């Protein structure tokens, strides 16, 4: 299946969380999500990654392996349509992130 990709998008999502279950001690995106993104990018780097998450997570080497990244946050019931409009070039969102998106964390 992966070999037949010409150009596509993939969605990387955070695990569901609310209050206590959402407490994390590691900002890295869950390993299975990163592994899937790497496997797809190894076959074809013409990928748009769509992040569906409520908080920033570290993506390790994913940003240098793909064409672009869309941070959709938690887009709600009409999010699929909005995301597809961005990917197809029907809408060009502008704005500033309300956060600093880290590229890595160094703990000393």
C-alpha atoms as a PDB file:
ATOM      1  CA  UNK A   1       0.000   0.000   0.000  1.00  0.00           C
ATOM      2  CA  UNK A   2       2.720   2.513   0.924  1.00  0.00           C
ATOM      3  CA  UNK A   3       4.516   1.991  -2.393  1.00  0.00           C
ATOM      4  CA  UNK A   4       1.562   3.335  -4.402  1.00  0.00           C
ATOM      5  CA  UNK A   5       1.572   6.845  -2.888  1.00  0.00           C
ATOM      6  CA  UNK A   6       2.151   9.615  -5.421  1.00  0.00           C
ATOM      7  CA  UNK A   7       1.533  12.540  -3.120  1.00  0.00           C
ATOM      8  CA  UNK A   8      -0.736  12.540  -0.168  1.00  0.00           C
ATOM      9  CA  UNK A   9      -1.531  13.900   3.234  1.00  0.00           C
ATOM     10  CA  UNK A  10      -1.319  12.125   6.533  1.00  0.00           C
ATOM     11  CA  UNK A  11      -2.820  13.045   9.844  1.00  0.00           C
ATOM     12  CA  UNK A  12      -0.748  12.773  13.003  1.00  0.00           C
ATOM     13  CA  UNK A  13      -2.900  12.925  16.085  1.00  0.00           C
ATOM     14  CA  UNK A  14      -2.305  13.093  19.778  1.00  0.00           C
ATOM     15  CA  UNK A  15      -3.911  10.557  22.069  1.00  0.00           C
ATOM     16  CA  UNK A  16      -7.222  11.677  23.598  1.00  0.00           C
ATOM     17  CA  UNK A  17      -6.724  13.543  26.832  1.00  0.00           C
ATOM     18  CA  UNK A  18      -8.609  15.502  29.435  1.00  0.00           C
ATOM     19  CA  UNK A  19      -7.300  16.575  32.803  1.00  0.00           C
ATOM     20  CA  UNK A  20      -5.305  13.813  34.555  1.00  0.00           C
ATOM     21  CA  UNK A  21      -4.999  11.317  31.643  1.00  0.00           C
ATOM     22  CA  UNK A  22      -3.562  14.159  29.576  1.00  0.00           C
ATOM     23  CA  UNK A  23      -0.628  14.795  31.893  1.00  0.00           C
ATOM     24  CA  UNK A  24       2.556  13.975  30.022  1.00  0.00           C
ATOM     25  CA  UNK A  25       6.213  14.016  30.993  1.00  0.00           C
ATOM     26  CA  UNK A  26       7.514  13.859  27.427  1.00  0.00           C
ATOM     27  CA  UNK A  27       6.693  16.407  24.709  1.00  0.00           C
ATOM     28  CA  UNK A  28       7.557  14.011  21.868  1.00  0.00           C
ATOM     29  CA  UNK A  29       4.683  12.852  19.664  1.00  0.00           C
ATOM     30  CA  UNK A  30       3.760   9.219  20.448  1.00  0.00           C
ATOM     31  CA  UNK A  31       6.244   6.811  18.874  1.00  0.00           C
ATOM     32  CA  UNK A  32       3.770   4.942  16.697  1.00  0.00           C
ATOM     33  CA  UNK A  33       2.705   8.208  15.061  1.00  0.00           C
ATOM     34  CA  UNK A  34       6.321   9.202  14.339  1.00  0.00           C
ATOM     35  CA  UNK A  35       7.107   5.718  13.054  1.00  0.00           C
ATOM     36  CA  UNK A  36       4.175   5.812  10.629  1.00  0.00           C
ATOM     37  CA  UNK A  37       5.187   9.265   9.377  1.00  0.00           C
ATOM     38  CA  UNK A  38       8.769   8.097   8.803  1.00  0.00           C
ATOM     39  CA  UNK A  39       7.658   4.976   6.922  1.00  0.00           C
ATOM     40  CA  UNK A  40       5.445   7.023   4.609  1.00  0.00           C
ATOM     41  CA  UNK A  41       8.133   9.695   4.089  1.00  0.00           C
ATOM     42  CA  UNK A  42      10.663   6.968   3.221  1.00  0.00           C
ATOM     43  CA  UNK A  43       8.447   5.942   0.307  1.00  0.00           C
ATOM     44  CA  UNK A  44       7.495   9.451  -0.812  1.00  0.00           C
ATOM     45  CA  UNK A  45       8.496  12.791   0.725  1.00  0.00           C
ATOM     46  CA  UNK A  46       5.725  14.632  -1.142  1.00  0.00           C
ATOM     47  CA  UNK A  47       3.576  14.511   1.994  1.00  0.00           C
ATOM     48  CA  UNK A  48       1.545  17.137   3.824  1.00  0.00           C
ATOM     49  CA  UNK A  49       1.356  16.320   7.530  1.00  0.00           C
ATOM     50  CA  UNK A  50      -1.764  17.525   9.315  1.00  0.00           C
ATOM     51  CA  UNK A  51      -1.369  17.817  13.085  1.00  0.00           C
ATOM     52  CA  UNK A  52      -4.639  17.344  14.976  1.00  0.00           C
ATOM     53  CA  UNK A  53      -3.775  18.136  18.568  1.00  0.00           C
ATOM     54  CA  UNK A  54      -4.498  20.558  21.360  1.00  0.00           C
ATOM     55  CA  UNK A  55      -0.926  21.127  22.439  1.00  0.00           C
ATOM     56  CA  UNK A  56       2.468  21.309  20.759  1.00  0.00           C
ATOM     57  CA  UNK A  57       4.406  18.064  20.532  1.00  0.00           C
ATOM     58  CA  UNK A  58       7.956  17.444  19.336  1.00  0.00           C
ATOM     59  CA  UNK A  59       8.085  15.946  15.856  1.00  0.00           C
ATOM     60  CA  UNK A  60      11.778  14.977  15.857  1.00  0.00           C
ATOM     61  CA  UNK A  61      12.933  14.631  12.219  1.00  0.00           C
ATOM     62  CA  UNK A  62       9.494  14.717  10.572  1.00  0.00           C
ATOM     63  CA  UNK A  63       9.632  18.411   9.487  1.00  0.00           C
ATOM     64  CA  UNK A  64      12.715  17.788   7.318  1.00  0.00           C
ATOM     65  CA  UNK A  65      11.208  14.628   5.755  1.00  0.00           C
ATOM     66  CA  UNK A  66       7.935  16.101   4.428  1.00  0.00           C
ATOM     67  CA  UNK A  67       6.825  18.951   2.149  1.00  0.00           C
ATOM     68  CA  UNK A  68       4.727  20.837   4.678  1.00  0.00           C
ATOM     69  CA  UNK A  69       2.960  20.675   8.016  1.00  0.00           C
ATOM     70  CA  UNK A  70      -0.477  22.040   8.859  1.00  0.00           C
ATOM     71  CA  UNK A  71      -1.229  22.510  12.538  1.00  0.00           C
ATOM     72  CA  UNK A  72      -5.013  22.066  12.729  1.00  0.00           C
ATOM     73  CA  UNK A  73      -5.233  22.049  16.542  1.00  0.00           C
ATOM     74  CA  UNK A  74      -8.701  20.663  17.426  1.00  0.00           C
ATOM     75  CA  UNK A  75     -10.673  21.661  14.324  1.00  0.00           C
ATOM     76  CA  UNK A  76     -14.178  20.521  15.292  1.00  0.00           C
ATOM     77  CA  UNK A  77     -16.896  18.999  13.095  1.00  0.00           C
ATOM     78  CA  UNK A  78     -16.164  21.131  10.017  1.00  0.00           C
ATOM     79  CA  UNK A  79     -12.416  20.716  10.351  1.00  0.00           C
ATOM     80  CA  UNK A  80     -12.107  18.148   7.574  1.00  0.00           C
ATOM     81  CA  UNK A  81     -13.577  20.535   5.032  1.00  0.00           C
ATOM     82  CA  UNK A  82     -11.428  23.421   6.246  1.00  0.00           C
ATOM     83  CA  UNK A  83      -8.262  21.305   6.118  1.00  0.00           C
ATOM     84  CA  UNK A  84      -9.058  20.023   2.629  1.00  0.00           C
ATOM     85  CA  UNK A  85      -9.626  23.625   1.441  1.00  0.00           C
ATOM     86  CA  UNK A  86      -6.147  24.547   2.710  1.00  0.00           C
ATOM     87  CA  UNK A  87      -4.496  21.501   1.121  1.00  0.00           C
ATOM     88  CA  UNK A  88      -6.238  22.124  -2.224  1.00  0.00           C
ATOM     89  CA  UNK A  89      -5.254  25.805  -2.197  1.00  0.00           C
ATOM     90  CA  UNK A  90      -8.813  27.138  -1.915  1.00  0.00           C
ATOM     91  CA  UNK A  91      -7.965  28.965   1.302  1.00  0.00           C
ATOM     92  CA  UNK A  92      -4.696  30.414   2.575  1.00  0.00           C
ATOM     93  CA  UNK A  93      -4.857  30.839   6.351  1.00  0.00           C
ATOM     94  CA  UNK A  94      -2.775  33.535   7.977  1.00  0.00           C
ATOM     95  CA  UNK A  95      -2.073  34.342  11.573  1.00  0.00           C
ATOM     96  CA  UNK A  96       0.346  33.900  14.398  1.00  0.00           C
ATOM     97  CA  UNK A  97       0.723  30.899  16.618  1.00  0.00           C
ATOM     98  CA  UNK A  98      -0.235  31.610  20.233  1.00  0.00           C
ATOM     99  CA  UNK A  99       2.629  29.351  21.312  1.00  0.00           C
ATOM    100  CA  UNK A 100       6.288  28.728  20.629  1.00  0.00           C
ATOM    101  CA  UNK A 101       6.640  25.493  18.710  1.00  0.00           C
ATOM    102  CA  UNK A 102       9.810  23.805  19.929  1.00  0.00           C
ATOM    103  CA  UNK A 103      12.061  21.865  17.608  1.00  0.00           C
ATOM    104  CA  UNK A 104      13.736  19.965  20.438  1.00  0.00           C
ATOM    105  CA  UNK A 105      14.076  19.857  24.166  1.00  0.00           C
ATOM    106  CA  UNK A 106      17.451  19.777  25.890  1.00  0.00           C
ATOM    107  CA  UNK A 107      17.352  18.746  29.502  1.00  0.00           C
ATOM    108  CA  UNK A 108      20.568  19.227  31.420  1.00  0.00           C
END
